[in-house]
């Protein structure tokens, strides 16, 4: 069986593996060992993961602020009610909600291997209530 020893970097003499100091010259042999490099990548990983989350939260906050601003502007534009007593008026139907109309016109042409071509057009209308 062989015995494992540690060689001192200062005097070059072998010493016991578990000894902290060289028995010949007294040098701290544990200090010669390279300390393990401990990297803490957790903050970097959290920073990278948090960026999309923060961007999403900022987008939601901006959207909420925009809607709040629109509501306040709408209230500011609406005239204040007057102090006169209300006059009985016949009920009118509720105002129509604004609609967005999208019209799509498509033209097409199809040919076959015999050189016969067919062409046509189609129109589509999409109405969206806002």
Protein backbone atom coordinates (compact mmCIF):
# COMPACT_ATOMS: atom_id res chain seq x y z
CA UNK A 1 0.00 0.00 0.00
CA UNK A 2 1.21 3.50 -0.77
CA UNK A 3 0.99 6.52 1.47
CA UNK A 4 -0.33 9.80 0.06
CA UNK A 5 1.67 12.83 1.13
CA UNK A 6 1.65 16.52 0.43
CA UNK A 7 4.78 18.24 -0.91
CA UNK A 8 5.54 21.62 0.63
CA UNK A 9 5.87 24.39 -1.95
CA UNK A 10 8.60 26.15 0.11
CA UNK A 11 10.98 23.39 1.25
CA UNK A 12 9.92 20.52 -1.07
CA UNK A 13 9.71 17.99 1.77
CA UNK A 14 6.79 15.54 2.01
CA UNK A 15 4.35 15.90 4.86
CA UNK A 16 1.12 14.29 6.03
CA UNK A 17 -1.90 15.03 3.86
CA UNK A 18 -4.07 16.15 6.77
CA UNK A 19 -1.50 18.55 8.25
CA UNK A 20 -2.21 22.23 7.82
CA UNK A 21 1.40 23.35 8.34
CA UNK A 22 4.59 21.80 6.92
CA UNK A 23 6.36 19.83 9.73
CA UNK A 24 9.79 20.86 8.33
CA UNK A 25 9.53 24.62 7.66
CA UNK A 26 6.16 25.59 9.20
CA UNK A 27 4.60 26.99 6.02
CA UNK A 28 0.80 27.07 5.81
CA UNK A 29 0.26 24.40 3.13
CA UNK A 30 -3.54 24.83 3.10
CA UNK A 31 -3.00 28.44 2.05
CA UNK A 32 -1.21 27.17 -1.07
CA UNK A 33 -4.33 25.41 -2.29
CA UNK A 34 -6.48 27.34 -4.67
CA UNK A 35 -9.70 28.42 -3.04
CA UNK A 36 -12.76 27.17 -4.86
CA UNK A 37 -14.29 29.86 -7.02
CA UNK A 38 -17.83 30.48 -5.93
CA UNK A 39 -19.85 32.29 -8.50
CA UNK A 40 -23.21 33.62 -7.64
CA UNK A 41 -25.16 33.67 -10.86
CA UNK A 42 -28.54 33.79 -9.17
CA UNK A 43 -28.85 37.61 -9.33
CA UNK A 44 -27.89 37.54 -13.01
CA UNK A 45 -30.43 34.82 -13.75
CA UNK A 46 -33.12 36.66 -11.82
CA UNK A 47 -32.27 39.86 -13.68
CA UNK A 48 -32.66 38.15 -17.03
CA UNK A 49 -35.93 36.51 -16.00
CA UNK A 50 -37.30 39.68 -14.45
CA UNK A 51 -36.83 41.82 -17.56
CA UNK A 52 -39.76 40.35 -19.55
CA UNK A 53 -41.94 40.40 -16.44
CA UNK A 54 -41.12 44.04 -15.77
CA UNK A 55 -41.77 44.91 -19.41
CA UNK A 56 -45.19 43.24 -19.20
CA UNK A 57 -46.07 45.02 -15.97
CA UNK A 58 -44.96 48.35 -17.44
CA UNK A 59 -47.14 47.72 -20.49
CA UNK A 60 -50.17 46.93 -18.31
CA UNK A 61 -49.55 50.02 -16.20
CA UNK A 62 -49.27 52.19 -19.31
CA UNK A 63 -52.49 50.74 -20.71
CA UNK A 64 -54.34 51.35 -17.42
CA UNK A 65 -53.01 54.91 -17.27
CA UNK A 66 -54.11 55.53 -20.86
CA UNK A 67 -57.64 54.27 -20.16
CA UNK A 68 -57.84 56.41 -17.02
CA UNK A 69 -56.67 59.45 -18.99
CA UNK A 70 -59.27 58.78 -21.69
CA UNK A 71 -62.03 58.52 -19.07
CA UNK A 72 -60.95 61.77 -17.42
CA UNK A 73 -60.78 63.58 -20.76
CA UNK A 74 -64.22 62.27 -21.64
CA UNK A 75 -65.56 63.60 -18.34
CA UNK A 76 -63.89 66.97 -18.92
CA UNK A 77 -65.37 67.30 -22.40
CA UNK A 78 -68.90 66.32 -21.34
CA UNK A 79 -70.79 69.49 -20.39
CA UNK A 80 -71.79 69.85 -16.75
CA UNK A 81 -75.49 69.40 -16.01
CA UNK A 82 -77.38 72.66 -15.73
CA UNK A 83 -79.32 73.68 -12.62
CA UNK A 84 -82.63 73.97 -14.51
CA UNK A 85 -85.31 71.45 -13.71
CA UNK A 86 -85.46 68.65 -16.23
CA UNK A 87 -88.10 68.91 -18.90
CA UNK A 88 -90.00 65.74 -19.63
CA UNK A 89 -88.92 64.57 -23.05
CA UNK A 90 -89.84 61.43 -24.84
CA UNK A 91 -87.24 58.73 -24.41
CA UNK A 92 -84.97 58.42 -27.37
CA UNK A 93 -83.21 55.22 -28.18
CA UNK A 94 -79.72 54.83 -26.79
CA UNK A 95 -77.07 56.34 -29.01
CA UNK A 96 -75.57 53.88 -31.40
CA UNK A 97 -72.21 52.53 -30.40
CA UNK A 98 -69.41 53.52 -32.73
CA UNK A 99 -68.66 50.89 -35.35
CA UNK A 100 -65.60 50.19 -37.35
CA UNK A 101 -66.17 48.89 -40.86
CA UNK A 102 -63.45 47.04 -42.73
CA UNK A 103 -63.91 46.34 -46.41
CA UNK A 104 -61.71 43.79 -48.14
CA UNK A 105 -61.64 43.40 -51.91
CA UNK A 106 -59.76 40.41 -53.27
CA UNK A 107 -58.90 39.84 -56.93
CA UNK A 108 -57.71 36.42 -58.04
CA UNK A 109 -56.60 34.62 -61.19
CA UNK A 110 -56.07 30.86 -61.63
CA UNK A 111 -54.54 29.08 -64.61
CA UNK A 112 -54.35 25.38 -65.41
CA UNK A 113 -51.88 23.30 -67.39
CA UNK A 114 -53.82 23.80 -70.67
CA UNK A 115 -53.48 27.56 -70.53
CA UNK A 116 -57.04 28.25 -69.44
CA UNK A 117 -57.22 31.18 -67.06
CA UNK A 118 -60.08 32.10 -64.78
CA UNK A 119 -60.26 35.25 -62.75
CA UNK A 120 -62.62 36.90 -60.36
CA UNK A 121 -63.18 39.22 -57.45
CA UNK A 122 -64.74 38.98 -54.04
CA UNK A 123 -65.80 41.68 -51.60
CA UNK A 124 -66.06 41.19 -47.85
CA UNK A 125 -67.24 43.59 -45.16
CA UNK A 126 -66.46 43.22 -41.47
CA UNK A 127 -68.24 45.40 -38.90
CA UNK A 128 -66.81 45.71 -35.40
CA UNK A 129 -68.57 47.42 -32.49
CA UNK A 130 -66.20 49.34 -30.25
